């Protein structure tokens, strides 16, 4: 998995890679719900949503 991260980091723009990384908690939560039948709290869901929205809204500085 770390090799895939390094390859993606080398090929993707920084914003796309950051968004991809911010989706990891969402992916882990979905796997937990499906495989382990865990129920995330409202706080968990709000935290994941805030991180994804924050990274998606970020605009890099113009050079």
PDB file of N, CA and C in Angstrom:
ATOM      1  N   UNK A   1       0.819  -1.212   0.000  1.00  0.00           N
ATOM      2  CA  UNK A   1       0.000   0.000   0.000  1.00  0.00           C
ATOM      3  C   UNK A   1       0.861   1.274   0.000  1.00  0.00           C
ATOM      4  N   UNK A   2       1.992   1.250   0.699  1.00  0.00           N
ATOM      5  CA  UNK A   2       2.820   2.456   0.763  1.00  0.00           C
ATOM      6  C   UNK A   2       3.487   2.733  -0.573  1.00  0.00           C
ATOM      7  N   UNK A   3       3.793   1.696  -1.313  1.00  0.00           N
ATOM      8  CA  UNK A   3       4.372   1.889  -2.645  1.00  0.00           C
ATOM      9  C   UNK A   3       3.347   2.560  -3.550  1.00  0.00           C
ATOM     10  N   UNK A   4       2.099   2.146  -3.447  1.00  0.00           N
ATOM     11  CA  UNK A   4       1.037   2.775  -4.244  1.00  0.00           C
ATOM     12  C   UNK A   4       0.889   4.247  -3.878  1.00  0.00           C
ATOM     13  N   UNK A   5       0.975   4.564  -2.590  1.00  0.00           N
ATOM     14  CA  UNK A   5       0.925   5.967  -2.160  1.00  0.00           C
ATOM     15  C   UNK A   5       2.058   6.766  -2.776  1.00  0.00           C
ATOM     16  N   UNK A   6       3.250   6.219  -2.756  1.00  0.00           N
ATOM     17  CA  UNK A   6       4.405   6.935  -3.297  1.00  0.00           C
ATOM     18  C   UNK A   6       4.282   7.130  -4.808  1.00  0.00           C
ATOM     19  N   UNK A   7       3.807   6.118  -5.503  1.00  0.00           N
ATOM     20  CA  UNK A   7       3.613   6.244  -6.947  1.00  0.00           C
ATOM     21  C   UNK A   7       2.540   7.280  -7.274  1.00  0.00           C
ATOM     22  N   UNK A   8       1.453   7.261  -6.522  1.00  0.00           N
ATOM     23  CA  UNK A   8       0.388   8.245  -6.750  1.00  0.00           C
ATOM     24  C   UNK A   8       0.876   9.650  -6.437  1.00  0.00           C
ATOM     25  N   UNK A   9       1.649   9.801  -5.363  1.00  0.00           N
ATOM     26  CA  UNK A   9       2.156  11.120  -4.984  1.00  0.00           C
ATOM     27  C   UNK A   9       3.069  11.680  -6.072  1.00  0.00           C
ATOM     28  N   UNK A  10       3.817  10.825  -6.720  1.00  0.00           N
ATOM     29  CA  UNK A  10       4.730  11.286  -7.768  1.00  0.00           C
ATOM     30  C   UNK A  10       3.987  11.688  -9.041  1.00  0.00           C
ATOM     31  N   UNK A  11       2.801  11.120  -9.258  1.00  0.00           N
ATOM     32  CA  UNK A  11       2.105  11.340 -10.524  1.00  0.00           C
ATOM     33  C   UNK A  11       0.928  12.311 -10.439  1.00  0.00           C
ATOM     34  N   UNK A  12       0.316  12.439  -9.280  1.00  0.00           N
ATOM     35  CA  UNK A  12      -0.880  13.272  -9.145  1.00  0.00           C
ATOM     36  C   UNK A  12      -0.532  14.679  -8.671  1.00  0.00           C
ATOM     37  N   UNK A  13      -1.377  15.646  -9.001  1.00  0.00           N
ATOM     38  CA  UNK A  13      -1.208  16.976  -8.403  1.00  0.00           C
ATOM     39  C   UNK A  13      -1.404  16.892  -6.884  1.00  0.00           C
ATOM     40  N   UNK A  14      -0.807  17.828  -6.168  1.00  0.00           N
ATOM     41  CA  UNK A  14      -0.880  17.791  -4.695  1.00  0.00           C
ATOM     42  C   UNK A  14      -2.313  17.786  -4.187  1.00  0.00           C
ATOM     43  N   UNK A  15      -3.184  18.611  -4.786  1.00  0.00           N
ATOM     44  CA  UNK A  15      -4.570  18.692  -4.316  1.00  0.00           C
ATOM     45  C   UNK A  15      -5.300  17.362  -4.508  1.00  0.00           C
ATOM     46  N   UNK A  16      -5.063  16.709  -5.623  1.00  0.00           N
ATOM     47  CA  UNK A  16      -5.716  15.416  -5.875  1.00  0.00           C
ATOM     48  C   UNK A  16      -5.219  14.354  -4.903  1.00  0.00           C
ATOM     49  N   UNK A  17      -3.920  14.355  -4.647  1.00  0.00           N
ATOM     50  CA  UNK A  17      -3.361  13.380  -3.716  1.00  0.00           C
ATOM     51  C   UNK A  17      -3.877  13.634  -2.298  1.00  0.00           C
ATOM     52  N   UNK A  18      -3.972  14.900  -1.898  1.00  0.00           N
ATOM     53  CA  UNK A  18      -4.490  15.225  -0.565  1.00  0.00           C
ATOM     54  C   UNK A  18      -5.945  14.799  -0.429  1.00  0.00           C
ATOM     55  N   UNK A  19      -6.727  15.002  -1.471  1.00  0.00           N
ATOM     56  CA  UNK A  19      -8.122  14.569  -1.431  1.00  0.00           C
ATOM     57  C   UNK A  19      -8.202  13.049  -1.327  1.00  0.00           C
ATOM     58  N   UNK A  20      -7.361  12.355  -2.077  1.00  0.00           N
ATOM     59  CA  UNK A  20      -7.330  10.896  -2.011  1.00  0.00           C
ATOM     60  C   UNK A  20      -6.985  10.430  -0.591  1.00  0.00           C
ATOM     61  N   UNK A  21      -5.988  11.068   0.023  1.00  0.00           N
ATOM     62  CA  UNK A  21      -5.614  10.686   1.390  1.00  0.00           C
ATOM     63  C   UNK A  21      -6.722  11.009   2.387  1.00  0.00           C
ATOM     64  N   UNK A  22      -7.439  12.106   2.154  1.00  0.00           N
ATOM     65  CA  UNK A  22      -8.511  12.462   3.083  1.00  0.00           C
ATOM     66  C   UNK A  22      -9.670  11.479   3.000  1.00  0.00           C
ATOM     67  N   UNK A  23      -9.754  10.727   1.921  1.00  0.00           N
ATOM     68  CA  UNK A  23     -10.815   9.730   1.790  1.00  0.00           C
ATOM     69  C   UNK A  23     -10.490   8.419   2.504  1.00  0.00           C
ATOM     70  N   UNK A  24      -9.274   8.260   2.982  1.00  0.00           N
ATOM     71  CA  UNK A  24      -8.907   7.020   3.677  1.00  0.00           C
ATOM     72  C   UNK A  24      -9.753   6.765   4.933  1.00  0.00           C
ATOM     73  N   UNK A  25     -10.016   7.771   5.788  1.00  0.00           N
ATOM     74  CA  UNK A  25     -10.892   7.496   6.934  1.00  0.00           C
ATOM     75  C   UNK A  25     -12.304   7.084   6.508  1.00  0.00           C
ATOM     76  N   UNK A  26     -12.799   7.687   5.434  1.00  0.00           N
ATOM     77  CA  UNK A  26     -14.116   7.303   4.921  1.00  0.00           C
ATOM     78  C   UNK A  26     -14.104   5.855   4.456  1.00  0.00           C
ATOM     79  N   UNK A  27     -13.073   5.472   3.738  1.00  0.00           N
ATOM     80  CA  UNK A  27     -12.948   4.097   3.259  1.00  0.00           C
ATOM     81  C   UNK A  27     -12.861   3.120   4.432  1.00  0.00           C
ATOM     82  N   UNK A  28     -12.065   3.463   5.425  1.00  0.00           N
ATOM     83  CA  UNK A  28     -11.935   2.596   6.602  1.00  0.00           C
ATOM     84  C   UNK A  28     -13.264   2.478   7.345  1.00  0.00           C
ATOM     85  N   UNK A  29     -13.999   3.577   7.423  1.00  0.00           N
ATOM     86  CA  UNK A  29     -15.305   3.547   8.087  1.00  0.00           C
ATOM     87  C   UNK A  29     -16.281   2.658   7.327  1.00  0.00           C
ATOM     88  N   UNK A  30     -16.299   2.792   6.003  1.00  0.00           N
ATOM     89  CA  UNK A  30     -17.195   1.954   5.199  1.00  0.00           C
ATOM     90  C   UNK A  30     -16.849   0.474   5.329  1.00  0.00           C
ATOM     91  N   UNK A  31     -15.571   0.162   5.345  1.00  0.00           N
ATOM     92  CA  UNK A  31     -15.161  -1.234   5.527  1.00  0.00           C
ATOM     93  C   UNK A  31     -15.575  -1.726   6.913  1.00  0.00           C
ATOM     94  N   UNK A  32     -15.429  -0.872   7.924  1.00  0.00           N
ATOM     95  CA  UNK A  32     -15.851  -1.240   9.271  1.00  0.00           C
ATOM     96  C   UNK A  32     -17.344  -1.509   9.360  1.00  0.00           C
ATOM     97  N   UNK A  33     -18.129  -0.693   8.655  1.00  0.00           N
ATOM     98  CA  UNK A  33     -19.581  -0.881   8.658  1.00  0.00           C
ATOM     99  C   UNK A  33     -19.951  -2.185   7.958  1.00  0.00           C
ATOM    100  N   UNK A  34     -19.342  -2.422   6.801  1.00  0.00           N
ATOM    101  CA  UNK A  34     -19.711  -3.595   5.996  1.00  0.00           C
ATOM    102  C   UNK A  34     -19.158  -4.892   6.586  1.00  0.00           C
ATOM    103  N   UNK A  35     -17.873  -4.898   6.920  1.00  0.00           N
ATOM    104  CA  UNK A  35     -17.225  -6.141   7.349  1.00  0.00           C
ATOM    105  C   UNK A  35     -17.440  -6.411   8.835  1.00  0.00           C
ATOM    106  N   UNK A  36     -17.253  -5.389   9.660  1.00  0.00           N
ATOM    107  CA  UNK A  36     -17.297  -5.590  11.109  1.00  0.00           C
ATOM    108  C   UNK A  36     -18.629  -5.202  11.745  1.00  0.00           C
ATOM    109  N   UNK A  37     -19.531  -4.658  10.923  1.00  0.00           N
ATOM    110  CA  UNK A  37     -20.848  -4.210  11.399  1.00  0.00           C
ATOM    111  C   UNK A  37     -20.743  -3.173  12.505  1.00  0.00           C
ATOM    112  N   UNK A  38     -19.743  -2.309  12.378  1.00  0.00           N
ATOM    113  CA  UNK A  38     -19.593  -1.204  13.319  1.00  0.00           C
ATOM    114  C   UNK A  38     -20.520  -0.070  12.893  1.00  0.00           C
ATOM    115  N   UNK A  39     -20.996   0.678  13.865  1.00  0.00           N
ATOM    116  CA  UNK A  39     -21.853   1.821  13.571  1.00  0.00           C
ATOM    117  C   UNK A  39     -21.099   3.088  13.975  1.00  0.00           C
ATOM    118  N   UNK A  40     -20.720   3.925  12.991  1.00  0.00           N
ATOM    119  CA  UNK A  40     -20.005   5.154  13.330  1.00  0.00           C
ATOM    120  C   UNK A  40     -20.945   6.148  14.005  1.00  0.00           C
ATOM    121  N   UNK A  41     -20.385   6.927  14.907  1.00  0.00           N
ATOM    122  CA  UNK A  41     -21.189   7.932  15.596  1.00  0.00           C
ATOM    123  C   UNK A  41     -21.402   9.136  14.682  1.00  0.00           C
ATOM    124  N   UNK A  42     -22.299   9.997  15.084  1.00  0.00           N
ATOM    125  CA  UNK A  42     -22.543  11.226  14.332  1.00  0.00           C
ATOM    126  C   UNK A  42     -21.276  12.071  14.283  1.00  0.00           C
ATOM    127  N   UNK A  43     -20.533  12.094  15.373  1.00  0.00           N
ATOM    128  CA  UNK A  43     -19.274  12.842  15.419  1.00  0.00           C
ATOM    129  C   UNK A  43     -18.269  12.287  14.414  1.00  0.00           C
ATOM    130  N   UNK A  44     -18.178  10.979  14.304  1.00  0.00           N
ATOM    131  CA  UNK A  44     -17.289  10.356  13.312  1.00  0.00           C
ATOM    132  C   UNK A  44     -17.659  10.799  11.899  1.00  0.00           C
ATOM    133  N   UNK A  45     -18.941  10.725  11.589  1.00  0.00           N
ATOM    134  CA  UNK A  45     -19.410  11.093  10.246  1.00  0.00           C
ATOM    135  C   UNK A  45     -19.173  12.567   9.955  1.00  0.00           C
ATOM    136  N   UNK A  46     -19.434  13.427  10.927  1.00  0.00           N
ATOM    137  CA  UNK A  46     -19.199  14.861  10.729  1.00  0.00           C
ATOM    138  C   UNK A  46     -17.718  15.158  10.546  1.00  0.00           C
ATOM    139  N   UNK A  47     -16.871  14.497  11.301  1.00  0.00           N
ATOM    140  CA  UNK A  47     -15.430  14.702  11.167  1.00  0.00           C
ATOM    141  C   UNK A  47     -14.921  14.306   9.795  1.00  0.00           C
ATOM    142  N   UNK A  48     -15.366  13.172   9.311  1.00  0.00           N
ATOM    143  CA  UNK A  48     -14.960  12.723   7.980  1.00  0.00           C
ATOM    144  C   UNK A  48     -15.446  13.711   6.925  1.00  0.00           C
ATOM    145  N   UNK A  49     -16.691  14.145   7.041  1.00  0.00           N
ATOM    146  CA  UNK A  49     -17.248  15.090   6.069  1.00  0.00           C
ATOM    147  C   UNK A  49     -16.488  16.412   6.080  1.00  0.00           C
ATOM    148  N   UNK A  50     -16.150  16.914   7.254  1.00  0.00           N
ATOM    149  CA  UNK A  50     -15.415  18.181   7.343  1.00  0.00           C
ATOM    150  C   UNK A  50     -14.038  18.090   6.698  1.00  0.00           C
ATOM    151  N   UNK A  51     -13.354  16.996   6.912  1.00  0.00           N
ATOM    152  CA  UNK A  51     -12.022  16.836   6.319  1.00  0.00           C
ATOM    153  C   UNK A  51     -12.115  16.776   4.797  1.00  0.00           C
ATOM    154  N   UNK A  52     -13.039  15.992   4.278  1.00  0.00           N
ATOM    155  CA  UNK A  52     -13.177  15.859   2.828  1.00  0.00           C
ATOM    156  C   UNK A  52     -13.566  17.195   2.197  1.00  0.00           C
ATOM    157  N   UNK A  53     -14.518  17.895   2.788  1.00  0.00           N
ATOM    158  CA  UNK A  53     -14.944  19.195   2.251  1.00  0.00           C
ATOM    159  C   UNK A  53     -13.814  20.211   2.342  1.00  0.00           C
ATOM    160  N   UNK A  54     -13.101  20.227   3.449  1.00  0.00           N
ATOM    161  CA  UNK A  54     -11.997  21.172   3.606  1.00  0.00           C
ATOM    162  C   UNK A  54     -10.906  20.981   2.573  1.00  0.00           C
ATOM    163  N   UNK A  55     -10.537  19.756   2.315  1.00  0.00           N
ATOM    164  CA  UNK A  55      -9.502  19.493   1.313  1.00  0.00           C
ATOM    165  C   UNK A  55     -10.026  19.798  -0.085  1.00  0.00           C
ATOM    166  N   UNK A  56     -11.281  19.467  -0.354  1.00  0.00           N
ATOM    167  CA  UNK A  56     -11.853  19.720  -1.678  1.00  0.00           C
ATOM    168  C   UNK A  56     -11.958  21.218  -1.962  1.00  0.00           C
ATOM    169  N   UNK A  57     -12.191  22.029  -0.935  1.00  0.00           N
ATOM    170  CA  UNK A  57     -12.343  23.478  -1.121  1.00  0.00           C
ATOM    171  C   UNK A  57     -11.015  24.215  -1.166  1.00  0.00           C
ATOM    172  N   UNK A  58      -9.948  23.581  -0.724  1.00  0.00           N
ATOM    173  CA  UNK A  58      -8.646  24.244  -0.678  1.00  0.00           C
ATOM    174  C   UNK A  58      -8.160  24.577  -2.080  1.00  0.00           C
ATOM    175  N   UNK A  59      -7.684  25.799  -2.231  1.00  0.00           N
ATOM    176  CA  UNK A  59      -7.109  26.223  -3.512  1.00  0.00           C
ATOM    177  C   UNK A  59      -5.654  26.575  -3.271  1.00  0.00           C
ATOM    178  N   UNK A  60      -4.741  25.987  -4.036  1.00  0.00           N
ATOM    179  CA  UNK A  60      -3.322  26.307  -3.844  1.00  0.00           C
ATOM    180  C   UNK A  60      -3.025  27.759  -4.212  1.00  0.00           C
ATOM    181  N   UNK A  61      -2.011  28.303  -3.583  1.00  0.00           N
ATOM    182  CA  UNK A  61      -1.608  29.687  -3.853  1.00  0.00           C
ATOM    183  C   UNK A  61      -1.110  29.818  -5.287  1.00  0.00           C
ATOM    184  N   UNK A  62      -1.449  30.926  -5.906  1.00  0.00           N
ATOM    185  CA  UNK A  62      -0.987  31.196  -7.270  1.00  0.00           C
ATOM    186  C   UNK A  62       0.441  31.705  -7.228  1.00  0.00           C
ATOM    187  N   UNK A  63       1.261  31.211  -8.128  1.00  0.00           N
ATOM    188  CA  UNK A  63       2.665  31.636  -8.169  1.00  0.00           C
ATOM    189  C   UNK A  63       2.880  32.666  -9.240  1.00  0.00           C
TER     190      UNK A  63
END
